[in-house]
C-alpha cells in the first residue's frame, strides 16, 4: 500500500518581472489534497501575481507549475488572439 500522498499543485522557482521590478522571486509551494493554503504578505509582495501566474492571466518568466504531477502552460492572451484570428 502506497502511503505517500503527492501534491495536486506544485510551483517551482516561479519568477515574474515587470521591467526592473521582480514581483515573484523563485516562488515554491506544494498544495496537497484536502489542504487549504493561504497566501499572505504585505502590499506589493506578489500575492496577486502568484495567483495570476497559476490561473494563466500572466506568464511566469521562469519556473514551472505542475498539476497532478504534469507540467502545464496555459495559453496567453497573444496565443488566444492568434487562434481567434
C-alpha atoms as a PDB file:
ATOM      1  CA  UNK A   1       0.000   0.000   0.000  1.00  0.00           C
ATOM      2  CA  UNK A   2       1.350   3.403  -1.016  1.00  0.00           C
ATOM      3  CA  UNK A   3       1.020   5.866   1.874  1.00  0.00           C
ATOM      4  CA  UNK A   4       2.803   8.687   0.059  1.00  0.00           C
ATOM      5  CA  UNK A   5       0.477  11.484  -0.988  1.00  0.00           C
ATOM      6  CA  UNK A   6       1.563  13.547  -3.980  1.00  0.00           C
ATOM      7  CA  UNK A   7       0.748  17.263  -4.239  1.00  0.00           C
ATOM      8  CA  UNK A   8      -2.057  18.236  -6.595  1.00  0.00           C
ATOM      9  CA  UNK A   9      -0.479  21.613  -7.398  1.00  0.00           C
ATOM     10  CA  UNK A  10       3.219  22.455  -7.326  1.00  0.00           C
ATOM     11  CA  UNK A  11       5.197  25.541  -8.262  1.00  0.00           C
ATOM     12  CA  UNK A  12       8.959  25.545  -8.576  1.00  0.00           C
ATOM     13  CA  UNK A  13      11.147  28.619  -8.959  1.00  0.00           C
ATOM     14  CA  UNK A  14       8.399  30.861 -10.345  1.00  0.00           C
ATOM     15  CA  UNK A  15       9.785  34.237 -11.359  1.00  0.00           C
ATOM     16  CA  UNK A  16       7.829  37.158 -12.787  1.00  0.00           C
ATOM     17  CA  UNK A  17       9.418  40.503 -13.580  1.00  0.00           C
ATOM     18  CA  UNK A  18       7.844  43.743 -14.706  1.00  0.00           C
ATOM     19  CA  UNK A  19      10.773  45.720 -16.058  1.00  0.00           C
ATOM     20  CA  UNK A  20      13.221  46.154 -13.189  1.00  0.00           C
ATOM     21  CA  UNK A  21      10.664  45.076 -10.568  1.00  0.00           C
ATOM     22  CA  UNK A  22      10.659  41.403  -9.559  1.00  0.00           C
ATOM     23  CA  UNK A  23       7.125  40.523  -8.461  1.00  0.00           C
ATOM     24  CA  UNK A  24       7.866  36.816  -7.848  1.00  0.00           C
ATOM     25  CA  UNK A  25      11.337  35.670  -6.893  1.00  0.00           C
ATOM     26  CA  UNK A  26      11.684  31.867  -7.147  1.00  0.00           C
ATOM     27  CA  UNK A  27       8.351  31.008  -5.530  1.00  0.00           C
ATOM     28  CA  UNK A  28       7.915  27.370  -4.464  1.00  0.00           C
ATOM     29  CA  UNK A  29       4.997  25.577  -2.852  1.00  0.00           C
ATOM     30  CA  UNK A  30       3.088  22.297  -2.816  1.00  0.00           C
ATOM     31  CA  UNK A  31      -0.663  22.028  -2.359  1.00  0.00           C
ATOM     32  CA  UNK A  32      -1.861  18.627  -1.161  1.00  0.00           C
ATOM     33  CA  UNK A  33      -5.330  17.082  -1.412  1.00  0.00           C
ATOM     34  CA  UNK A  34      -7.749  18.386   1.246  1.00  0.00           C
ATOM     35  CA  UNK A  35      -5.276  21.109   2.219  1.00  0.00           C
ATOM     36  CA  UNK A  36      -6.084  24.793   2.439  1.00  0.00           C
ATOM     37  CA  UNK A  37      -3.180  27.033   1.518  1.00  0.00           C
ATOM     38  CA  UNK A  38      -3.219  30.713   2.455  1.00  0.00           C
ATOM     39  CA  UNK A  39      -1.206  33.286   0.527  1.00  0.00           C
ATOM     40  CA  UNK A  40      -0.417  36.203   2.811  1.00  0.00           C
ATOM     41  CA  UNK A  41       2.020  39.083   2.702  1.00  0.00           C
ATOM     42  CA  UNK A  42       2.499  42.816   2.603  1.00  0.00           C
ATOM     43  CA  UNK A  43       1.184  45.004  -0.193  1.00  0.00           C
ATOM     44  CA  UNK A  44       3.389  44.510  -3.230  1.00  0.00           C
ATOM     45  CA  UNK A  45       4.697  41.130  -2.044  1.00  0.00           C
ATOM     46  CA  UNK A  46       3.500  39.290  -5.178  1.00  0.00           C
ATOM     47  CA  UNK A  47       0.354  37.547  -3.930  1.00  0.00           C
ATOM     48  CA  UNK A  48      -1.816  38.623  -6.842  1.00  0.00           C
ATOM     49  CA  UNK A  49       0.961  37.931  -9.329  1.00  0.00           C
ATOM     50  CA  UNK A  50       1.285  34.381  -7.974  1.00  0.00           C
ATOM     51  CA  UNK A  51      -2.431  33.708  -8.360  1.00  0.00           C
ATOM     52  CA  UNK A  52      -2.427  35.255 -11.842  1.00  0.00           C
ATOM     53  CA  UNK A  53       0.509  33.042 -12.841  1.00  0.00           C
ATOM     54  CA  UNK A  54      -1.266  29.919 -11.581  1.00  0.00           C
ATOM     55  CA  UNK A  55      -4.504  30.706 -13.405  1.00  0.00           C
ATOM     56  CA  UNK A  56      -2.768  31.843 -16.611  1.00  0.00           C
ATOM     57  CA  UNK A  57      -3.517  35.561 -16.522  1.00  0.00           C
ATOM     58  CA  UNK A  58       0.230  36.267 -16.621  1.00  0.00           C
ATOM     59  CA  UNK A  59       3.073  34.089 -17.907  1.00  0.00           C
ATOM     60  CA  UNK A  60       5.954  33.495 -15.498  1.00  0.00           C
ATOM     61  CA  UNK A  61       9.385  34.459 -16.824  1.00  0.00           C
ATOM     62  CA  UNK A  62      10.931  31.374 -15.221  1.00  0.00           C
ATOM     63  CA  UNK A  63       9.882  28.280 -13.328  1.00  0.00           C
ATOM     64  CA  UNK A  64       7.220  25.632 -13.677  1.00  0.00           C
ATOM     65  CA  UNK A  65       3.736  24.842 -12.481  1.00  0.00           C
ATOM     66  CA  UNK A  66       2.577  21.241 -12.182  1.00  0.00           C
ATOM     67  CA  UNK A  67      -0.967  19.992 -11.798  1.00  0.00           C
ATOM     68  CA  UNK A  68      -1.252  16.367 -10.694  1.00  0.00           C
ATOM     69  CA  UNK A  69       2.445  15.933 -11.448  1.00  0.00           C
ATOM     70  CA  UNK A  70       2.229  17.175 -15.039  1.00  0.00           C
ATOM     71  CA  UNK A  71       3.668  20.483 -16.165  1.00  0.00           C
ATOM     72  CA  UNK A  72       1.095  22.752 -17.710  1.00  0.00           C
ATOM     73  CA  UNK A  73       1.205  26.034 -19.500  1.00  0.00           C
ATOM     74  CA  UNK A  74      -1.950  27.971 -20.112  1.00  0.00           C
ATOM     75  CA  UNK A  75      -2.356  29.934 -23.305  1.00  0.00           C
ATOM     76  CA  UNK A  76      -1.506  33.594 -23.003  1.00  0.00           C
ATOM     77  CA  UNK A  77      -3.638  36.377 -24.470  1.00  0.00           C
ATOM     78  CA  UNK A  78      -1.439  36.604 -27.587  1.00  0.00           C
ATOM     79  CA  UNK A  79      -1.917  32.873 -28.223  1.00  0.00           C
ATOM     80  CA  UNK A  80      -5.675  33.171 -27.772  1.00  0.00           C
ATOM     81  CA  UNK A  81      -5.865  36.122 -30.187  1.00  0.00           C
ATOM     82  CA  UNK A  82      -3.864  34.162 -32.771  1.00  0.00           C
ATOM     83  CA  UNK A  83      -6.324  31.279 -32.500  1.00  0.00           C
ATOM     84  CA  UNK A  84      -9.337  33.578 -32.878  1.00  0.00           C
ATOM     85  CA  UNK A  85      -7.949  35.410 -35.928  1.00  0.00           C
END
